[in-house]
Amino acid sequence: MSRSCDLCGKHTRTGNKVSHAKNRTRRTWKPNLLKVKTQVDGTTFSLKICARCLRSDYITKKV
């Protein structure tokens, strides 16, 4: 499975870690993904969404 949000599409980003001496090494930034169950039209789905989408109330979490 890919490491991306099912709602907004946020995914792993790559770039450089820069030390104080300006040495560059490759690194990655991963999104804060959560597996959440939600209900749409009576059907329960399990989605991987980022914390920002959950906080912004794009879906309602099934308890």
PDB file of N, CA and C in Angstrom:
ATOM      1  N   MET A   1       0.842  -1.176   0.000  1.00  0.00           N
ATOM      2  CA  MET A   1       0.000   0.000   0.000  1.00  0.00           C
ATOM      3  C   MET A   1       0.890   1.243   0.000  1.00  0.00           C
ATOM      4  N   SER A   2       0.422   2.256  -0.693  1.00  0.00           N
ATOM      5  CA  SER A   2       1.215   3.470  -0.749  1.00  0.00           C
ATOM      6  C   SER A   2       1.036   4.277   0.526  1.00  0.00           C
ATOM      7  N   ARG A   3       2.015   5.082   0.822  1.00  0.00           N
ATOM      8  CA  ARG A   3       1.980   5.905   2.024  1.00  0.00           C
ATOM      9  C   ARG A   3       1.444   7.281   1.639  1.00  0.00           C
ATOM     10  N   SER A   4       0.120   7.339   1.390  1.00  0.00           N
ATOM     11  CA  SER A   4      -0.498   8.602   1.018  1.00  0.00           C
ATOM     12  C   SER A   4      -1.908   8.682   1.595  1.00  0.00           C
ATOM     13  N   CYS A   5      -2.390   9.912   1.748  1.00  0.00           N
ATOM     14  CA  CYS A   5      -3.713  10.172   2.299  1.00  0.00           C
ATOM     15  C   CYS A   5      -4.762   9.880   1.231  1.00  0.00           C
ATOM     16  N   ASP A   6      -5.840   9.177   1.611  1.00  0.00           N
ATOM     17  CA  ASP A   6      -6.886   8.835   0.655  1.00  0.00           C
ATOM     18  C   ASP A   6      -7.754  10.037   0.292  1.00  0.00           C
ATOM     19  N   LEU A   7      -7.763  11.083   1.111  1.00  0.00           N
ATOM     20  CA  LEU A   7      -8.600  12.251   0.831  1.00  0.00           C
ATOM     21  C   LEU A   7      -7.859  13.337   0.066  1.00  0.00           C
ATOM     22  N   CYS A   8      -6.747  13.799   0.607  1.00  0.00           N
ATOM     23  CA  CYS A   8      -6.064  14.939  -0.017  1.00  0.00           C
ATOM     24  C   CYS A   8      -4.892  14.528  -0.905  1.00  0.00           C
ATOM     25  N   GLY A   9      -4.433  13.273  -0.794  1.00  0.00           N
ATOM     26  CA  GLY A   9      -3.343  12.812  -1.648  1.00  0.00           C
ATOM     27  C   GLY A   9      -1.955  13.156  -1.144  1.00  0.00           C
ATOM     28  N   LYS A  10      -1.842  13.642   0.083  1.00  0.00           N
ATOM     29  CA  LYS A  10      -0.529  13.958   0.639  1.00  0.00           C
ATOM     30  C   LYS A  10       0.300  12.683   0.714  1.00  0.00           C
ATOM     31  N   HIS A  11       1.556  12.748   0.276  1.00  0.00           N
ATOM     32  CA  HIS A  11       2.397  11.558   0.247  1.00  0.00           C
ATOM     33  C   HIS A  11       3.810  11.889   0.697  1.00  0.00           C
ATOM     34  N   THR A  12       4.688  10.895   0.666  1.00  0.00           N
ATOM     35  CA  THR A  12       6.061  11.038   1.113  1.00  0.00           C
ATOM     36  C   THR A  12       6.804  12.049   0.247  1.00  0.00           C
ATOM     37  N   ARG A  13       7.514  12.961   0.899  1.00  0.00           N
ATOM     38  CA  ARG A  13       8.329  13.963   0.208  1.00  0.00           C
ATOM     39  C   ARG A  13       9.797  13.652   0.444  1.00  0.00           C
ATOM     40  N   THR A  14      10.630  14.009  -0.495  1.00  0.00           N
ATOM     41  CA  THR A  14      12.061  13.793  -0.351  1.00  0.00           C
ATOM     42  C   THR A  14      12.789  15.118  -0.452  1.00  0.00           C
ATOM     43  N   GLY A  15      13.987  15.148   0.113  1.00  0.00           N
ATOM     44  CA  GLY A  15      14.795  16.357   0.065  1.00  0.00           C
ATOM     45  C   GLY A  15      16.144  16.108   0.695  1.00  0.00           C
ATOM     46  N   ASN A  16      16.792  17.177   1.099  1.00  0.00           N
ATOM     47  CA  ASN A  16      18.116  17.086   1.683  1.00  0.00           C
ATOM     48  C   ASN A  16      18.092  17.445   3.156  1.00  0.00           C
ATOM     49  N   LYS A  17      18.844  16.679   3.959  1.00  0.00           N
ATOM     50  CA  LYS A  17      19.148  17.076   5.328  1.00  0.00           C
ATOM     51  C   LYS A  17      20.422  17.892   5.253  1.00  0.00           C
ATOM     52  N   VAL A  18      20.408  19.099   5.782  1.00  0.00           N
ATOM     53  CA  VAL A  18      21.560  19.989   5.671  1.00  0.00           C
ATOM     54  C   VAL A  18      22.159  20.190   7.053  1.00  0.00           C
ATOM     55  N   SER A  19      23.416  19.801   7.209  1.00  0.00           N
ATOM     56  CA  SER A  19      24.097  19.959   8.491  1.00  0.00           C
ATOM     57  C   SER A  19      24.605  21.393   8.641  1.00  0.00           C
ATOM     58  N   HIS A  20      25.139  21.695   9.806  1.00  0.00           N
ATOM     59  CA  HIS A  20      25.684  23.028  10.066  1.00  0.00           C
ATOM     60  C   HIS A  20      26.843  23.336   9.117  1.00  0.00           C
ATOM     61  N   ALA A  21      27.568  22.286   8.702  1.00  0.00           N
ATOM     62  CA  ALA A  21      28.678  22.452   7.764  1.00  0.00           C
ATOM     63  C   ALA A  21      28.210  22.417   6.316  1.00  0.00           C
ATOM     64  N   LYS A  22      26.903  22.474   6.107  1.00  0.00           N
ATOM     65  CA  LYS A  22      26.274  22.491   4.777  1.00  0.00           C
ATOM     66  C   LYS A  22      26.488  21.201   3.991  1.00  0.00           C
ATOM     67  N   ASN A  23      26.705  20.073   4.712  1.00  0.00           N
ATOM     68  CA  ASN A  23      26.738  18.775   4.047  1.00  0.00           C
ATOM     69  C   ASN A  23      25.315  18.361   3.737  1.00  0.00           C
ATOM     70  N   ARG A  24      25.086  17.825   2.542  1.00  0.00           N
ATOM     71  CA  ARG A  24      23.742  17.424   2.137  1.00  0.00           C
ATOM     72  C   ARG A  24      23.647  15.901   2.053  1.00  0.00           C
ATOM     73  N   THR A  25      22.655  15.338   2.727  1.00  0.00           N
ATOM     74  CA  THR A  25      22.337  13.923   2.602  1.00  0.00           C
ATOM     75  C   THR A  25      20.846  13.803   2.357  1.00  0.00           C
ATOM     76  N   ARG A  26      20.444  12.797   1.623  1.00  0.00           N
ATOM     77  CA  ARG A  26      19.034  12.630   1.268  1.00  0.00           C
ATOM     78  C   ARG A  26      18.227  12.154   2.473  1.00  0.00           C
ATOM     79  N   ARG A  27      16.994  12.633   2.563  1.00  0.00           N
ATOM     80  CA  ARG A  27      16.091  12.211   3.629  1.00  0.00           C
ATOM     81  C   ARG A  27      14.662  12.274   3.119  1.00  0.00           C
ATOM     82  N   THR A  28      13.726  11.738   3.917  1.00  0.00           N
ATOM     83  CA  THR A  28      12.321  11.740   3.533  1.00  0.00           C
ATOM     84  C   THR A  28      11.476  12.311   4.661  1.00  0.00           C
ATOM     85  N   TRP A  29      10.360  12.906   4.281  1.00  0.00           N
ATOM     86  CA  TRP A  29       9.348  13.362   5.227  1.00  0.00           C
ATOM     87  C   TRP A  29       8.098  12.549   4.947  1.00  0.00           C
ATOM     88  N   LYS A  30       7.571  11.877   5.965  1.00  0.00           N
ATOM     89  CA  LYS A  30       6.394  11.035   5.801  1.00  0.00           C
ATOM     90  C   LYS A  30       5.192  11.707   6.448  1.00  0.00           C
ATOM     91  N   PRO A  31       4.012  11.609   5.826  1.00  0.00           N
ATOM     92  CA  PRO A  31       2.823  12.224   6.416  1.00  0.00           C
ATOM     93  C   PRO A  31       2.358  11.454   7.643  1.00  0.00           C
ATOM     94  N   ASN A  32       1.650  12.141   8.518  1.00  0.00           N
ATOM     95  CA  ASN A  32       1.113  11.544   9.737  1.00  0.00           C
ATOM     96  C   ASN A  32      -0.208  10.870   9.381  1.00  0.00           C
ATOM     97  N   LEU A  33      -0.142   9.597   8.965  1.00  0.00           N
ATOM     98  CA  LEU A  33      -1.326   8.872   8.500  1.00  0.00           C
ATOM     99  C   LEU A  33      -1.955   8.064   9.627  1.00  0.00           C
ATOM    100  N   LEU A  34      -3.277   8.030   9.623  1.00  0.00           N
ATOM    101  CA  LEU A  34      -4.042   7.287  10.602  1.00  0.00           C
ATOM    102  C   LEU A  34      -5.048   6.424   9.867  1.00  0.00           C
ATOM    103  N   LYS A  35      -5.235   5.196  10.332  1.00  0.00           N
ATOM    104  CA  LYS A  35      -6.250   4.322   9.756  1.00  0.00           C
ATOM    105  C   LYS A  35      -7.546   4.558  10.528  1.00  0.00           C
ATOM    106  N   VAL A  36      -8.568   5.060   9.831  1.00  0.00           N
ATOM    107  CA  VAL A  36      -9.804   5.500  10.456  1.00  0.00           C
ATOM    108  C   VAL A  36     -10.982   4.812   9.794  1.00  0.00           C
ATOM    109  N   LYS A  37     -11.930   4.345  10.608  1.00  0.00           N
ATOM    110  CA  LYS A  37     -13.168   3.795  10.070  1.00  0.00           C
ATOM    111  C   LYS A  37     -14.205   4.902  10.030  1.00  0.00           C
ATOM    112  N   THR A  38     -14.895   5.011   8.889  1.00  0.00           N
ATOM    113  CA  THR A  38     -15.928   6.017   8.717  1.00  0.00           C
ATOM    114  C   THR A  38     -17.127   5.374   8.044  1.00  0.00           C
ATOM    115  N   GLN A  39     -18.268   6.005   8.181  1.00  0.00           N
ATOM    116  CA  GLN A  39     -19.495   5.459   7.614  1.00  0.00           C
ATOM    117  C   GLN A  39     -20.067   6.449   6.614  1.00  0.00           C
ATOM    118  N   VAL A  40     -20.292   5.969   5.373  1.00  0.00           N
ATOM    119  CA  VAL A  40     -20.866   6.783   4.311  1.00  0.00           C
ATOM    120  C   VAL A  40     -22.056   6.028   3.737  1.00  0.00           C
ATOM    121  N   ASP A  41     -23.238   6.619   3.829  1.00  0.00           N
ATOM    122  CA  ASP A  41     -24.477   6.017   3.317  1.00  0.00           C
ATOM    123  C   ASP A  41     -24.712   4.616   3.872  1.00  0.00           C
ATOM    124  N   GLY A  42     -24.415   4.402   5.148  1.00  0.00           N
ATOM    125  CA  GLY A  42     -24.653   3.121   5.787  1.00  0.00           C
ATOM    126  C   GLY A  42     -23.569   2.085   5.559  1.00  0.00           C
ATOM    127  N   THR A  43     -22.553   2.407   4.779  1.00  0.00           N
ATOM    128  CA  THR A  43     -21.464   1.480   4.510  1.00  0.00           C
ATOM    129  C   THR A  43     -20.226   1.933   5.271  1.00  0.00           C
ATOM    130  N   THR A  44     -19.568   1.006   5.950  1.00  0.00           N
ATOM    131  CA  THR A  44     -18.379   1.323   6.727  1.00  0.00           C
ATOM    132  C   THR A  44     -17.140   1.133   5.865  1.00  0.00           C
ATOM    133  N   PHE A  45     -16.274   2.153   5.845  1.00  0.00           N
ATOM    134  CA  PHE A  45     -15.026   2.112   5.102  1.00  0.00           C
ATOM    135  C   PHE A  45     -13.871   2.300   6.067  1.00  0.00           C
ATOM    136  N   SER A  46     -12.724   1.714   5.719  1.00  0.00           N
ATOM    137  CA  SER A  46     -11.495   1.963   6.449  1.00  0.00           C
ATOM    138  C   SER A  46     -10.579   2.761   5.531  1.00  0.00           C
ATOM    139  N   LEU A  47     -10.246   3.982   5.949  1.00  0.00           N
ATOM    140  CA  LEU A  47      -9.438   4.879   5.135  1.00  0.00           C
ATOM    141  C   LEU A  47      -8.138   5.205   5.841  1.00  0.00           C
ATOM    142  N   LYS A  48      -7.111   5.506   5.045  1.00  0.00           N
ATOM    143  CA  LYS A  48      -5.882   6.058   5.587  1.00  0.00           C
ATOM    144  C   LYS A  48      -5.917   7.548   5.301  1.00  0.00           C
ATOM    145  N   ILE A  49      -6.033   8.358   6.351  1.00  0.00           N
ATOM    146  CA  ILE A  49      -6.088   9.796   6.160  1.00  0.00           C
ATOM    147  C   ILE A  49      -5.021  10.456   7.017  1.00  0.00           C
ATOM    148  N   CYS A  50      -4.610  11.644   6.613  1.00  0.00           N
ATOM    149  CA  CYS A  50      -3.616  12.377   7.389  1.00  0.00           C
ATOM    150  C   CYS A  50      -4.304  13.085   8.553  1.00  0.00           C
ATOM    151  N   ALA A  51      -3.514  13.475   9.533  1.00  0.00           N
ATOM    152  CA  ALA A  51      -4.048  14.099  10.739  1.00  0.00           C
ATOM    153  C   ALA A  51      -4.729  15.423  10.421  1.00  0.00           C
ATOM    154  N   ARG A  52      -4.266  16.141   9.418  1.00  0.00           N
ATOM    155  CA  ARG A  52      -4.882  17.418   9.067  1.00  0.00           C
ATOM    156  C   ARG A  52      -6.288  17.230   8.522  1.00  0.00           C
ATOM    157  N   CYS A  53      -6.502  16.204   7.701  1.00  0.00           N
ATOM    158  CA  CYS A  53      -7.850  15.932   7.179  1.00  0.00           C
ATOM    159  C   CYS A  53      -8.793  15.519   8.301  1.00  0.00           C
ATOM    160  N   LEU A  54      -8.305  14.740   9.248  1.00  0.00           N
ATOM    161  CA  LEU A  54      -9.128  14.329  10.386  1.00  0.00           C
ATOM    162  C   LEU A  54      -9.474  15.533  11.255  1.00  0.00           C
ATOM    163  N   ARG A  55      -8.511  16.401  11.488  1.00  0.00           N
ATOM    164  CA  ARG A  55      -8.723  17.580  12.319  1.00  0.00           C
ATOM    165  C   ARG A  55      -9.664  18.580  11.643  1.00  0.00           C
ATOM    166  N   SER A  56      -9.641  18.635  10.309  1.00  0.00           N
ATOM    167  CA  SER A  56     -10.462  19.587   9.565  1.00  0.00           C
ATOM    168  C   SER A  56     -11.890  19.097   9.350  1.00  0.00           C
ATOM    169  N   ASP A  57     -12.239  17.947   9.918  1.00  0.00           N
ATOM    170  CA  ASP A  57     -13.591  17.378   9.819  1.00  0.00           C
ATOM    171  C   ASP A  57     -14.035  17.119   8.382  1.00  0.00           C
ATOM    172  N   TYR A  58     -13.112  16.632   7.538  1.00  0.00           N
ATOM    173  CA  TYR A  58     -13.528  16.220   6.189  1.00  0.00           C
ATOM    174  C   TYR A  58     -14.361  14.960   6.241  1.00  0.00           C
ATOM    175  N   ILE A  59     -14.113  14.102   7.232  1.00  0.00           N
ATOM    176  CA  ILE A  59     -14.936  12.922   7.453  1.00  0.00           C
ATOM    177  C   ILE A  59     -15.255  12.850   8.930  1.00  0.00           C
ATOM    178  N   THR A  60     -16.238  12.032   9.273  1.00  0.00           N
ATOM    179  CA  THR A  60     -16.550  11.810  10.682  1.00  0.00           C
ATOM    180  C   THR A  60     -16.069  10.425  11.068  1.00  0.00           C
ATOM    181  N   LYS A  61     -15.339  10.354  12.161  1.00  0.00           N
ATOM    182  CA  LYS A  61     -14.763   9.111  12.631  1.00  0.00           C
ATOM    183  C   LYS A  61     -15.848   8.260  13.299  1.00  0.00           C
ATOM    184  N   LYS A  62     -15.916   6.994  12.915  1.00  0.00           N
ATOM    185  CA  LYS A  62     -16.882   6.079  13.509  1.00  0.00           C
ATOM    186  C   LYS A  62     -16.314   5.561  14.825  1.00  0.00           C
ATOM    187  N   VAL A  63     -17.081   5.662  15.881  1.00  0.00           N
ATOM    188  CA  VAL A  63     -16.601   5.265  17.199  1.00  0.00           C
ATOM    189  C   VAL A  63     -16.915   3.832  17.500  1.00  0.00           C
TER     190      VAL A  63
END
